[in-house]
């Protein structure tokens, strides 16, 4: 994605809001970013369009999975000097409880990073950070500068 290298040239490579705007699906979901030190906290404001089960109502599992991946990718982009958006090699999702119709938050930890591949763990929660609704563990292909 050339947009990322253009953002870096403009000095906005660490501006996570600009990076989110450059990722079409993240922008569609309305993902927002808060930076706390070296940690990137992602925020997914609730919208009715995110509901997969209207009876509960619960956020669609695909939206939860995508939000976990976006969280991992944004943390990788913040910590590394990638030229392009990291590509998912493989990812495992653990759905722990239903995502209710409220704002959802996420964070990721880069467990291990090599020259080409990084291992990232991400988690999302709603009211309490101690009670995640879903977790993911994945490998991402890096494109270094």
Protein backbone atom coordinates (compact mmCIF):
# COMPACT_ATOMS: atom_id res chain seq x y z
CA UNK A 1 0.00 0.00 0.00
CA UNK A 2 1.76 3.13 -1.25
CA UNK A 3 -0.31 5.36 1.01
CA UNK A 4 1.72 4.25 4.04
CA UNK A 5 5.05 5.22 2.47
CA UNK A 6 3.51 8.57 1.45
CA UNK A 7 2.39 9.15 5.05
CA UNK A 8 5.93 8.40 6.26
CA UNK A 9 7.37 10.88 3.74
CA UNK A 10 4.94 13.53 5.04
CA UNK A 11 6.09 12.81 8.60
CA UNK A 12 2.75 11.21 9.52
CA UNK A 13 4.00 7.62 9.74
CA UNK A 14 3.43 7.54 13.51
CA UNK A 15 0.07 9.36 13.24
CA UNK A 16 -2.14 6.33 13.76
CA UNK A 17 -5.34 8.22 12.90
CA UNK A 18 -3.90 8.95 9.43
CA UNK A 19 -2.87 5.30 9.08
CA UNK A 20 -6.39 4.12 10.03
CA UNK A 21 -7.86 6.47 7.43
CA UNK A 22 -5.57 4.82 4.85
CA UNK A 23 -6.97 1.33 5.63
CA UNK A 24 -10.37 1.17 3.90
CA UNK A 25 -12.07 -1.44 6.11
CA UNK A 26 -10.80 0.19 9.32
CA UNK A 27 -12.20 3.51 8.11
CA UNK A 28 -15.50 1.80 7.17
CA UNK A 29 -15.80 0.31 10.68
CA UNK A 30 -15.05 3.69 12.22
CA UNK A 31 -11.98 2.51 14.14
CA UNK A 32 -10.34 5.21 16.24
CA UNK A 33 -6.92 5.20 17.91
CA UNK A 34 -5.63 6.38 21.26
CA UNK A 35 -1.90 6.24 21.97
CA UNK A 36 -0.72 5.62 25.54
CA UNK A 37 3.07 5.63 25.54
CA UNK A 38 4.20 2.80 23.26
CA UNK A 39 0.80 1.16 23.33
CA UNK A 40 -1.83 1.72 20.67
CA UNK A 41 -5.40 1.41 22.00
CA UNK A 42 -7.95 0.89 19.26
CA UNK A 43 -11.57 1.95 19.75
CA UNK A 44 -14.55 0.56 17.85
CA UNK A 45 -17.59 2.75 18.51
CA UNK A 46 -20.81 0.77 18.36
CA UNK A 47 -23.04 1.17 15.29
CA UNK A 48 -26.17 -0.81 14.44
CA UNK A 49 -24.50 -1.95 11.21
CA UNK A 50 -22.01 -4.02 13.26
CA UNK A 51 -24.71 -6.29 14.71
CA UNK A 52 -24.64 -9.90 13.53
CA UNK A 53 -27.31 -11.27 15.86
CA UNK A 54 -30.17 -8.78 16.29
CA UNK A 55 -31.86 -10.91 18.98
CA UNK A 56 -29.05 -10.38 21.54
CA UNK A 57 -27.88 -7.88 19.92
CA UNK A 58 -24.27 -8.99 19.44
CA UNK A 59 -21.48 -7.66 17.24
CA UNK A 60 -20.84 -9.87 14.21
CA UNK A 61 -17.99 -12.35 14.68
CA UNK A 62 -16.38 -11.20 11.44
CA UNK A 63 -16.27 -7.63 12.71
CA UNK A 64 -14.67 -8.84 15.95
CA UNK A 65 -12.07 -10.83 14.00
CA UNK A 66 -11.32 -7.90 11.71
CA UNK A 67 -11.01 -5.56 14.70
CA UNK A 68 -8.52 -7.95 16.33
CA UNK A 69 -6.44 -8.04 13.13
CA UNK A 70 -6.59 -4.27 12.67
CA UNK A 71 -5.44 -3.84 16.27
CA UNK A 72 -2.47 -6.15 15.69
CA UNK A 73 -1.51 -4.46 12.42
CA UNK A 74 -1.67 -0.96 13.91
CA UNK A 75 0.58 -1.97 16.81
CA UNK A 76 3.04 -3.48 14.32
CA UNK A 77 3.01 -0.33 12.21
CA UNK A 78 3.64 1.76 15.30
CA UNK A 79 6.58 -0.38 16.48
CA UNK A 80 8.23 -1.19 13.14
CA UNK A 81 9.43 0.64 10.07
CA UNK A 82 7.25 -1.22 7.57
CA UNK A 83 6.94 0.11 4.07
CA UNK A 84 3.53 -1.48 3.57
CA UNK A 85 0.68 -2.78 5.69
CA UNK A 86 1.75 -6.16 7.17
CA UNK A 87 0.01 -9.13 5.59
CA UNK A 88 -1.61 -11.84 7.67
CA UNK A 89 0.17 -15.19 7.40
CA UNK A 90 -2.08 -16.99 9.88
CA UNK A 91 -4.28 -16.01 12.77
CA UNK A 92 -6.28 -17.81 15.46
CA UNK A 93 -9.28 -16.23 17.15
CA UNK A 94 -10.67 -17.12 20.56
CA UNK A 95 -14.20 -15.81 21.02
CA UNK A 96 -14.72 -15.69 24.78
CA UNK A 97 -18.10 -13.93 25.13
CA UNK A 98 -20.63 -12.02 23.06
CA UNK A 99 -19.68 -8.54 21.93
CA UNK A 100 -22.59 -6.47 23.20
CA UNK A 101 -23.83 -3.26 21.63
CA UNK A 102 -21.32 -0.93 23.32
CA UNK A 103 -17.94 0.60 22.48
CA UNK A 104 -15.16 -1.98 22.16
CA UNK A 105 -11.47 -1.40 22.89
CA UNK A 106 -8.38 -3.31 21.78
CA UNK A 107 -4.65 -3.60 22.32
CA UNK A 108 -1.89 -5.77 20.91
CA UNK A 109 1.49 -7.01 22.07
CA UNK A 110 4.26 -7.88 19.63
CA UNK A 111 5.59 -11.11 21.15
CA UNK A 112 8.40 -11.65 18.69
CA UNK A 113 9.60 -9.78 15.64
CA UNK A 114 12.07 -10.96 13.06
CA UNK A 115 13.16 -9.35 9.81
CA UNK A 116 10.26 -10.79 7.84
CA UNK A 117 7.66 -12.13 10.27
CA UNK A 118 6.20 -10.93 13.56
CA UNK A 119 4.12 -12.79 16.13
CA UNK A 120 1.40 -10.63 17.67
CA UNK A 121 -1.21 -11.25 20.37
CA UNK A 122 -4.23 -8.95 20.50
CA UNK A 123 -7.22 -8.71 22.80
CA UNK A 124 -10.43 -6.71 22.80
CA UNK A 125 -12.74 -5.81 25.67
CA UNK A 126 -15.76 -3.67 26.40
CA UNK A 127 -16.39 -2.45 29.97
CA UNK A 128 -13.42 -4.06 31.72
CA UNK A 129 -9.94 -4.69 30.39
CA UNK A 130 -9.79 -7.69 32.73
CA UNK A 131 -12.69 -9.36 30.88
CA UNK A 132 -11.74 -9.65 27.19
CA UNK A 133 -14.44 -10.67 24.75
CA UNK A 134 -11.99 -12.08 22.18
CA UNK A 135 -8.28 -12.82 21.72
CA UNK A 136 -6.12 -13.49 18.70
CA UNK A 137 -2.64 -14.84 18.07
CA UNK A 138 -1.17 -14.34 14.62
CA UNK A 139 1.85 -14.15 12.37
CA UNK A 140 2.25 -11.17 10.05
CA UNK A 141 4.56 -10.72 7.08
CA UNK A 142 6.55 -7.50 7.35
CA UNK A 143 7.81 -5.39 4.45
CA UNK A 144 10.72 -3.44 5.96
CA UNK A 145 11.97 -0.14 4.56
